[in-house]
C-alpha atoms as a PDB file:
ATOM      1  CA  VAL A   1      89.713 110.489  88.791  1.00  0.00           C
ATOM      2  CA  SER A   2      89.618 114.122  87.872  1.00  0.00           C
ATOM      3  CA  THR A   3      87.700 117.030  89.313  1.00  0.00           C
ATOM      4  CA  GLN A   4      86.802 120.362  87.818  1.00  0.00           C
ATOM      5  CA  SER A   5      85.396 123.293  89.749  1.00  0.00           C
ATOM      6  CA  THR A   6      82.881 125.761  88.348  1.00  0.00           C
ATOM      7  CA  GLY A   7      81.949 128.098  91.148  1.00  0.00           C
ATOM      8  CA  ASP A   8      80.237 126.181  93.933  1.00  0.00           C
ATOM      9  CA  GLN A   9      79.751 123.024  91.842  1.00  0.00           C
ATOM     10  CA  PHE A  10      82.164 120.217  91.033  1.00  0.00           C
ATOM     11  CA  ASP A  11      82.278 117.924  88.057  1.00  0.00           C
ATOM     12  CA  ILE A  12      83.791 114.568  88.936  1.00  0.00           C
ATOM     13  CA  LYS A  13      84.912 112.178  86.234  1.00  0.00           C
ATOM     14  CA  ILE A  14      85.882 108.636  87.144  1.00  0.00           C
ATOM     15  CA  SER A  15      87.301 106.129  84.723  1.00  0.00           C
ATOM     16  CA  LEU A  16      87.319 102.480  85.684  1.00  0.00           C
ATOM     17  CA  LYS A  17      89.017  99.594  84.009  1.00  0.00           C
ATOM     18  CA  ILE A  18      86.912  96.486  84.477  1.00  0.00           C
ATOM     19  CA  ASN A  19      88.612  93.148  84.075  1.00  0.00           C
ATOM     20  CA  SER A  20      86.397  91.151  81.748  1.00  0.00           C
ATOM     21  CA  ASP A  21      88.354  87.941  82.374  1.00  0.00           C
ATOM     22  CA  ARG A  22      86.303  86.318  85.102  1.00  0.00           C
ATOM     23  CA  SER A  23      88.652  83.427  85.682  1.00  0.00           C
ATOM     24  CA  ARG A  24      91.540  82.654  87.982  1.00  0.00           C
ATOM     25  CA  GLU A  25      94.016  79.855  88.527  1.00  0.00           C
ATOM     26  CA  VAL A  26      93.687  77.653  91.601  1.00  0.00           C
ATOM     27  CA  PRO A  27      95.654  74.603  92.763  1.00  0.00           C
ATOM     28  CA  CYS A  28      94.291  71.239  91.625  1.00  0.00           C
ATOM     29  CA  TYR A  29      95.108  69.166  94.711  1.00  0.00           C
ATOM     30  CA  ASN A  30      93.644  65.914  93.374  1.00  0.00           C
ATOM     31  CA  ARG A  31      96.284  65.908  90.591  1.00  0.00           C
ATOM     32  CA  ALA A  32      99.221  66.784  92.874  1.00  0.00           C
ATOM     33  CA  ASN A  33     102.287  64.559  92.962  1.00  0.00           C
ATOM     34  CA  TYR A  34     102.297  63.831  96.706  1.00  0.00           C
ATOM     35  CA  GLU A  35     105.053  61.214  96.422  1.00  0.00           C
ATOM     36  CA  GLU A  36     107.497  63.810  95.098  1.00  0.00           C
ATOM     37  CA  ILE A  37     106.371  66.363  97.670  1.00  0.00           C
ATOM     38  CA  ASN A  38     107.018  63.843 100.454  1.00  0.00           C
ATOM     39  CA  LYS A  39     110.417  62.905  98.972  1.00  0.00           C
ATOM     40  CA  GLU A  40     111.557  66.513  98.886  1.00  0.00           C
ATOM     41  CA  LEU A  41     110.309  67.197 102.408  1.00  0.00           C
ATOM     42  CA  ALA A  42     111.932  64.009 103.769  1.00  0.00           C
ATOM     43  CA  GLY A  43     115.207  64.670 101.956  1.00  0.00           C
ATOM     44  CA  MET A  44     115.618  68.141 103.415  1.00  0.00           C
ATOM     45  CA  ASP A  45     118.179  68.726 106.180  1.00  0.00           C
ATOM     46  CA  TRP A  46     115.802  70.659 108.416  1.00  0.00           C
ATOM     47  CA  ASP A  47     118.424  71.232 111.144  1.00  0.00           C
ATOM     48  CA  SER A  48     120.574  73.264 108.786  1.00  0.00           C
ATOM     49  CA  VAL A  49     117.658  74.979 107.038  1.00  0.00           C
ATOM     50  CA  LEU A  50     116.068  76.052 110.321  1.00  0.00           C
ATOM     51  CA  ALA A  51     119.351  76.796 112.117  1.00  0.00           C
ATOM     52  CA  SER A  52     118.300  80.323 112.981  1.00  0.00           C
ATOM     53  CA  HIS A  53     117.050  80.796 116.530  1.00  0.00           C
ATOM     54  CA  ASP A  54     114.609  83.424 115.334  1.00  0.00           C
ATOM     55  CA  ILE A  55     111.185  81.785 115.065  1.00  0.00           C
ATOM     56  CA  ALA A  56     109.910  84.391 112.585  1.00  0.00           C
ATOM     57  CA  GLN A  57     112.849  83.777 110.255  1.00  0.00           C
ATOM     58  CA  ASN A  58     112.434  79.991 110.549  1.00  0.00           C
ATOM     59  CA  TRP A  59     108.728  80.279 109.740  1.00  0.00           C
ATOM     60  CA  ALA A  60     109.423  82.466 106.699  1.00  0.00           C
ATOM     61  CA  THR A  61     112.061  80.015 105.461  1.00  0.00           C
ATOM     62  CA  PHE A  62     109.791  77.004 105.919  1.00  0.00           C
ATOM     63  CA  ARG A  63     106.829  78.757 104.289  1.00  0.00           C
ATOM     64  CA  THR A  64     108.908  79.777 101.266  1.00  0.00           C
ATOM     65  CA  TYR A  65     110.316  76.273 100.875  1.00  0.00           C
ATOM     66  CA  LEU A  66     106.879  74.663 101.142  1.00  0.00           C
ATOM     67  CA  ARG A  67     105.347  77.173  98.724  1.00  0.00           C
ATOM     68  CA  ASP A  68     108.078  76.428  96.163  1.00  0.00           C
ATOM     69  CA  ILE A  69     107.493  72.671  96.463  1.00  0.00           C
ATOM     70  CA  CYS A  70     103.732  73.100  96.101  1.00  0.00           C
ATOM     71  CA  THR A  71     104.199  75.287  93.023  1.00  0.00           C
ATOM     72  CA  LYS A  72     106.456  72.630  91.542  1.00  0.00           C
ATOM     73  CA  TYR A  73     104.252  69.565  92.185  1.00  0.00           C
ATOM     74  CA  ILE A  74     100.668  70.843  92.370  1.00  0.00           C
ATOM     75  CA  PRO A  75      99.239  71.821  88.973  1.00  0.00           C
ATOM     76  CA  THR A  76      96.778  74.658  88.617  1.00  0.00           C
ATOM     77  CA  VAL A  77      93.487  74.825  86.779  1.00  0.00           C
ATOM     78  CA  LYS A  78      91.628  77.847  85.487  1.00  0.00           C
ATOM     79  CA  VAL A  79      88.236  78.333  87.112  1.00  0.00           C
ATOM     80  CA  ARG A  80      85.548  80.846  86.375  1.00  0.00           C
ATOM     81  CA  CYS A  81      84.842  83.371  89.111  1.00  0.00           C
ATOM     82  CA  ASN A  82      81.142  83.663  89.793  1.00  0.00           C
ATOM     83  CA  PHE A  83      81.340  85.723  92.995  1.00  0.00           C
ATOM     84  CA  SER A  84      79.592  83.092  95.095  1.00  0.00           C
ATOM     85  CA  PRO A  85      81.106  81.808  98.330  1.00  0.00           C
ATOM     86  CA  PRO A  86      83.627  79.006  97.756  1.00  0.00           C
ATOM     87  CA  TRP A  87      81.764  76.682 100.130  1.00  0.00           C
ATOM     88  CA  TYR A  88      78.492  77.080  98.194  1.00  0.00           C
ATOM     89  CA  THR A  89      78.875  74.133  95.822  1.00  0.00           C
ATOM     90  CA  ALA A  90      76.483  72.498  93.373  1.00  0.00           C
ATOM     91  CA  THR A  91      75.495  70.086  96.162  1.00  0.00           C
ATOM     92  CA  CYS A  92      74.463  73.036  98.346  1.00  0.00           C
ATOM     93  CA  GLU A  93      72.539  74.512  95.426  1.00  0.00           C
ATOM     94  CA  GLN A  94      70.639  71.250  94.924  1.00  0.00           C
ATOM     95  CA  ALA A  95      69.885  70.906  98.624  1.00  0.00           C
ATOM     96  CA  SER A  96      68.651  74.493  98.937  1.00  0.00           C
ATOM     97  CA  SER A  97      66.359  74.134  95.920  1.00  0.00           C
ATOM     98  CA  HIS A  98      64.326  71.541  97.863  1.00  0.00           C
ATOM     99  CA  LEU A  99      63.704  73.909 100.755  1.00  0.00           C
ATOM    100  CA  PRO A 100      60.308  75.638 100.837  1.00  0.00           C
ATOM    101  CA  TRP A 101      61.849  79.088 100.485  1.00  0.00           C
ATOM    102  CA  GLY A 102      64.517  78.117  97.898  1.00  0.00           C
ATOM    103  CA  ARG A 103      67.761  79.996  97.424  1.00  0.00           C
ATOM    104  CA  THR A 104      67.658  83.747  97.783  1.00  0.00           C
END
C-alpha cells in the first residue's frame, strides 16, 4: 500500500497478491493406519511423559505427541477450496434442490 498526497486529495495504490491455487491438503481419515496409531499410544509410558504437575504443560506435550502420530499415520489428500461451508455436502445440495425455493 502506498499513498501520495496532492494538496487535499490522496492517491492510494494497493497491490494484492491473489493465490490462484484453490486447493489445500486435508487429512484422509478413512485411509489412516489406526492399528499403528493405537500401538504407539498404547506403547507410550504416559506416567513419565506427563510427569509434570502443570496441566498446561501436560496438555501441550500430549497434543504435540498426538499431532506427530497423526501426521505419521494419517495421509493427506489435496482438495479444491470452493468457499462453501464444509458441512454443505453434495447430499445437502441434492436435498435442497428438491425444495420449492431451491438453494440460494
